Amino acid sequence: MQTFASPVERAICKCWNTTFKLQHYLPYESKDEVFACSGAYGSADVACTTTYASDCARMLECIRHDPASPPK
């Protein structure tokens, strides 16, 4: 099972998997989602995950410091 150092990293990983349609499921007898973050990159920036909590594409742009998606 994937473990995360912080809720910020978990949010980034979840967006990465949602955006690129990678494996993401709830295993039997568990309340924790299971997913891997192969290929995810960028900074674990809480401002990005807060600003773009409902927009995964922009969150991923923000953590890569894309000027089109700055954090607030």
N, C-alpha and C. Protein backbone atom coordinates (compact mmCIF):
# COMPACT_ATOMS: atom_id res chain seq x y z
N MET A 1 0.84 -1.17 0.00
CA MET A 1 0.00 0.00 0.00
C MET A 1 0.89 1.25 0.00
N GLN A 2 0.51 2.23 -0.76
CA GLN A 2 1.24 3.49 -0.85
C GLN A 2 1.06 4.28 0.45
N THR A 3 2.14 4.80 0.98
CA THR A 3 2.04 5.69 2.13
C THR A 3 2.55 7.06 1.71
N PHE A 4 2.05 8.09 2.34
CA PHE A 4 2.39 9.46 1.96
C PHE A 4 2.96 10.20 3.15
N ALA A 5 3.94 11.04 2.90
CA ALA A 5 4.57 11.84 3.95
C ALA A 5 3.63 12.94 4.44
N SER A 6 2.68 13.35 3.59
CA SER A 6 1.78 14.43 3.97
C SER A 6 0.51 14.37 3.14
N PRO A 7 -0.55 15.08 3.57
CA PRO A 7 -1.77 15.16 2.77
C PRO A 7 -1.53 15.86 1.43
N VAL A 8 -0.53 16.73 1.37
CA VAL A 8 -0.19 17.42 0.12
C VAL A 8 0.29 16.40 -0.92
N GLU A 9 1.19 15.52 -0.52
CA GLU A 9 1.68 14.50 -1.44
C GLU A 9 0.57 13.56 -1.88
N ARG A 10 -0.33 13.24 -0.95
CA ARG A 10 -1.47 12.37 -1.29
C ARG A 10 -2.37 13.03 -2.33
N ALA A 11 -2.65 14.33 -2.16
CA ALA A 11 -3.49 15.06 -3.10
C ALA A 11 -2.85 15.11 -4.49
N ILE A 12 -1.54 15.34 -4.53
CA ILE A 12 -0.83 15.39 -5.81
C ILE A 12 -0.88 14.03 -6.49
N CYS A 13 -0.63 12.98 -5.73
CA CYS A 13 -0.65 11.63 -6.29
C CYS A 13 -2.04 11.28 -6.81
N LYS A 14 -3.06 11.62 -6.06
CA LYS A 14 -4.43 11.31 -6.49
C LYS A 14 -4.76 12.06 -7.78
N CYS A 15 -4.35 13.32 -7.88
CA CYS A 15 -4.59 14.08 -9.11
C CYS A 15 -3.81 13.49 -10.28
N TRP A 16 -2.58 13.11 -10.03
CA TRP A 16 -1.76 12.50 -11.08
C TRP A 16 -2.46 11.27 -11.65
N ASN A 17 -2.95 10.41 -10.76
CA ASN A 17 -3.61 9.19 -11.19
C ASN A 17 -4.95 9.47 -11.87
N THR A 18 -5.67 10.46 -11.40
CA THR A 18 -6.94 10.83 -12.01
C THR A 18 -6.70 11.39 -13.41
N THR A 19 -5.74 12.27 -13.54
CA THR A 19 -5.44 12.92 -14.82
C THR A 19 -4.96 11.92 -15.86
N PHE A 20 -4.10 11.00 -15.45
CA PHE A 20 -3.51 10.06 -16.41
C PHE A 20 -4.18 8.69 -16.38
N LYS A 21 -5.30 8.60 -15.66
CA LYS A 21 -6.13 7.40 -15.61
C LYS A 21 -5.31 6.14 -15.27
N LEU A 22 -4.53 6.26 -14.19
CA LEU A 22 -3.74 5.15 -13.71
C LEU A 22 -4.51 4.38 -12.64
N GLN A 23 -3.96 3.28 -12.20
CA GLN A 23 -4.62 2.42 -11.23
C GLN A 23 -4.99 3.18 -9.97
N HIS A 24 -6.24 3.02 -9.55
CA HIS A 24 -6.77 3.74 -8.40
C HIS A 24 -8.01 2.99 -7.92
N TYR A 25 -7.96 2.41 -6.75
CA TYR A 25 -9.09 1.61 -6.29
C TYR A 25 -9.11 1.51 -4.78
N LEU A 26 -10.21 1.05 -4.25
CA LEU A 26 -10.35 0.76 -2.83
C LEU A 26 -10.27 -0.75 -2.66
N PRO A 27 -9.22 -1.25 -1.99
CA PRO A 27 -9.11 -2.70 -1.81
C PRO A 27 -10.17 -3.22 -0.84
N TYR A 28 -10.44 -4.51 -0.91
CA TYR A 28 -11.41 -5.11 0.00
C TYR A 28 -10.96 -4.92 1.45
N GLU A 29 -11.91 -4.70 2.32
CA GLU A 29 -11.68 -4.58 3.75
C GLU A 29 -10.70 -3.46 4.10
N SER A 30 -10.71 -2.39 3.35
CA SER A 30 -9.84 -1.26 3.64
C SER A 30 -10.56 0.03 3.32
N LYS A 31 -10.28 1.06 4.09
CA LYS A 31 -10.86 2.37 3.84
C LYS A 31 -9.88 3.25 3.07
N ASP A 32 -8.65 2.76 2.86
CA ASP A 32 -7.62 3.54 2.18
C ASP A 32 -7.59 3.26 0.69
N GLU A 33 -7.50 4.32 -0.09
CA GLU A 33 -7.34 4.17 -1.52
C GLU A 33 -5.92 3.69 -1.80
N VAL A 34 -5.77 2.91 -2.85
CA VAL A 34 -4.46 2.41 -3.24
C VAL A 34 -4.15 2.94 -4.62
N PHE A 35 -3.01 3.58 -4.76
CA PHE A 35 -2.56 4.03 -6.07
C PHE A 35 -1.06 4.30 -6.01
N ALA A 36 -0.43 4.25 -7.15
CA ALA A 36 1.00 4.51 -7.25
C ALA A 36 1.18 5.82 -8.01
N CYS A 37 2.31 6.44 -7.83
CA CYS A 37 2.55 7.74 -8.47
C CYS A 37 3.73 7.68 -9.43
N SER A 38 3.77 6.67 -10.24
CA SER A 38 4.85 6.54 -11.22
C SER A 38 4.84 7.74 -12.14
N GLY A 39 5.95 8.42 -12.22
CA GLY A 39 6.09 9.55 -13.14
C GLY A 39 5.67 10.89 -12.59
N ALA A 40 5.05 10.94 -11.41
CA ALA A 40 4.64 12.22 -10.84
C ALA A 40 5.87 13.02 -10.45
N TYR A 41 5.85 14.30 -10.76
CA TYR A 41 6.97 15.16 -10.39
C TYR A 41 6.48 16.57 -10.13
N GLY A 42 7.26 17.33 -9.41
CA GLY A 42 6.93 18.70 -9.04
C GLY A 42 7.20 18.88 -7.57
N SER A 43 6.94 20.07 -7.07
CA SER A 43 7.18 20.34 -5.65
C SER A 43 5.91 20.07 -4.85
N ALA A 44 6.07 19.58 -3.66
CA ALA A 44 4.92 19.32 -2.77
C ALA A 44 4.51 20.65 -2.13
N ASP A 45 3.79 21.44 -2.89
CA ASP A 45 3.43 22.80 -2.50
C ASP A 45 1.98 22.85 -2.02
N VAL A 46 1.81 23.12 -0.73
CA VAL A 46 0.47 23.17 -0.16
C VAL A 46 -0.38 24.26 -0.81
N ALA A 47 0.23 25.36 -1.23
CA ALA A 47 -0.53 26.43 -1.88
C ALA A 47 -1.14 25.94 -3.20
N CYS A 48 -0.42 25.10 -3.92
CA CYS A 48 -0.95 24.55 -5.18
C CYS A 48 -2.12 23.60 -4.92
N THR A 49 -1.95 22.72 -3.92
CA THR A 49 -3.02 21.75 -3.66
C THR A 49 -4.26 22.44 -3.09
N THR A 50 -4.07 23.52 -2.38
CA THR A 50 -5.21 24.28 -1.84
C THR A 50 -5.90 25.08 -2.94
N THR A 51 -5.11 25.79 -3.73
CA THR A 51 -5.66 26.64 -4.79
C THR A 51 -6.42 25.82 -5.83
N TYR A 52 -5.88 24.68 -6.21
CA TYR A 52 -6.46 23.88 -7.29
C TYR A 52 -6.99 22.53 -6.79
N ALA A 53 -7.57 22.51 -5.62
CA ALA A 53 -8.08 21.26 -5.04
C ALA A 53 -9.11 20.56 -5.93
N SER A 54 -9.85 21.32 -6.72
CA SER A 54 -10.88 20.71 -7.57
C SER A 54 -10.50 20.75 -9.05
N ASP A 55 -9.25 21.04 -9.37
CA ASP A 55 -8.79 21.10 -10.76
C ASP A 55 -7.42 20.43 -10.87
N CYS A 56 -7.45 19.12 -11.10
CA CYS A 56 -6.21 18.35 -11.10
C CYS A 56 -5.22 18.80 -12.17
N ALA A 57 -5.67 19.11 -13.33
CA ALA A 57 -4.75 19.53 -14.40
C ALA A 57 -3.98 20.78 -13.98
N ARG A 58 -4.68 21.75 -13.42
CA ARG A 58 -4.02 22.99 -12.99
C ARG A 58 -3.15 22.76 -11.76
N MET A 59 -3.55 21.85 -10.86
CA MET A 59 -2.71 21.54 -9.71
C MET A 59 -1.36 20.99 -10.17
N LEU A 60 -1.39 20.09 -11.15
CA LEU A 60 -0.15 19.51 -11.65
C LEU A 60 0.70 20.57 -12.35
N GLU A 61 0.07 21.50 -13.04
CA GLU A 61 0.81 22.61 -13.64
C GLU A 61 1.46 23.46 -12.55
N CYS A 62 0.71 23.73 -11.50
CA CYS A 62 1.20 24.58 -10.41
C CYS A 62 2.41 23.96 -9.72
N ILE A 63 2.36 22.66 -9.41
CA ILE A 63 3.49 22.05 -8.71
C ILE A 63 4.74 22.00 -9.59
N ARG A 64 4.55 22.13 -10.91
CA ARG A 64 5.69 22.19 -11.83
C ARG A 64 6.08 23.64 -12.13
N HIS A 65 5.49 24.58 -11.41
CA HIS A 65 5.77 26.02 -11.52
C HIS A 65 5.45 26.59 -12.89
N ASP A 66 4.37 26.11 -13.50
CA ASP A 66 3.89 26.65 -14.76
C ASP A 66 3.30 28.04 -14.48
N PRO A 67 3.78 29.10 -15.16
CA PRO A 67 3.26 30.44 -14.89
C PRO A 67 1.78 30.60 -15.18
N ALA A 68 1.20 29.72 -15.98
CA ALA A 68 -0.24 29.80 -16.28
C ALA A 68 -1.11 29.36 -15.09
N SER A 69 -0.53 28.67 -14.12
CA SER A 69 -1.28 28.18 -12.96
C SER A 69 -0.54 28.49 -11.66
N PRO A 70 -0.46 29.77 -11.30
CA PRO A 70 0.24 30.11 -10.06
C PRO A 70 -0.62 29.82 -8.83
N PRO A 71 0.00 29.56 -7.70
CA PRO A 71 -0.79 29.37 -6.47
C PRO A 71 -1.27 30.72 -5.97
N LYS A 72 -2.32 30.72 -5.17
CA LYS A 72 -2.81 31.97 -4.59
C LYS A 72 -2.23 32.15 -3.21
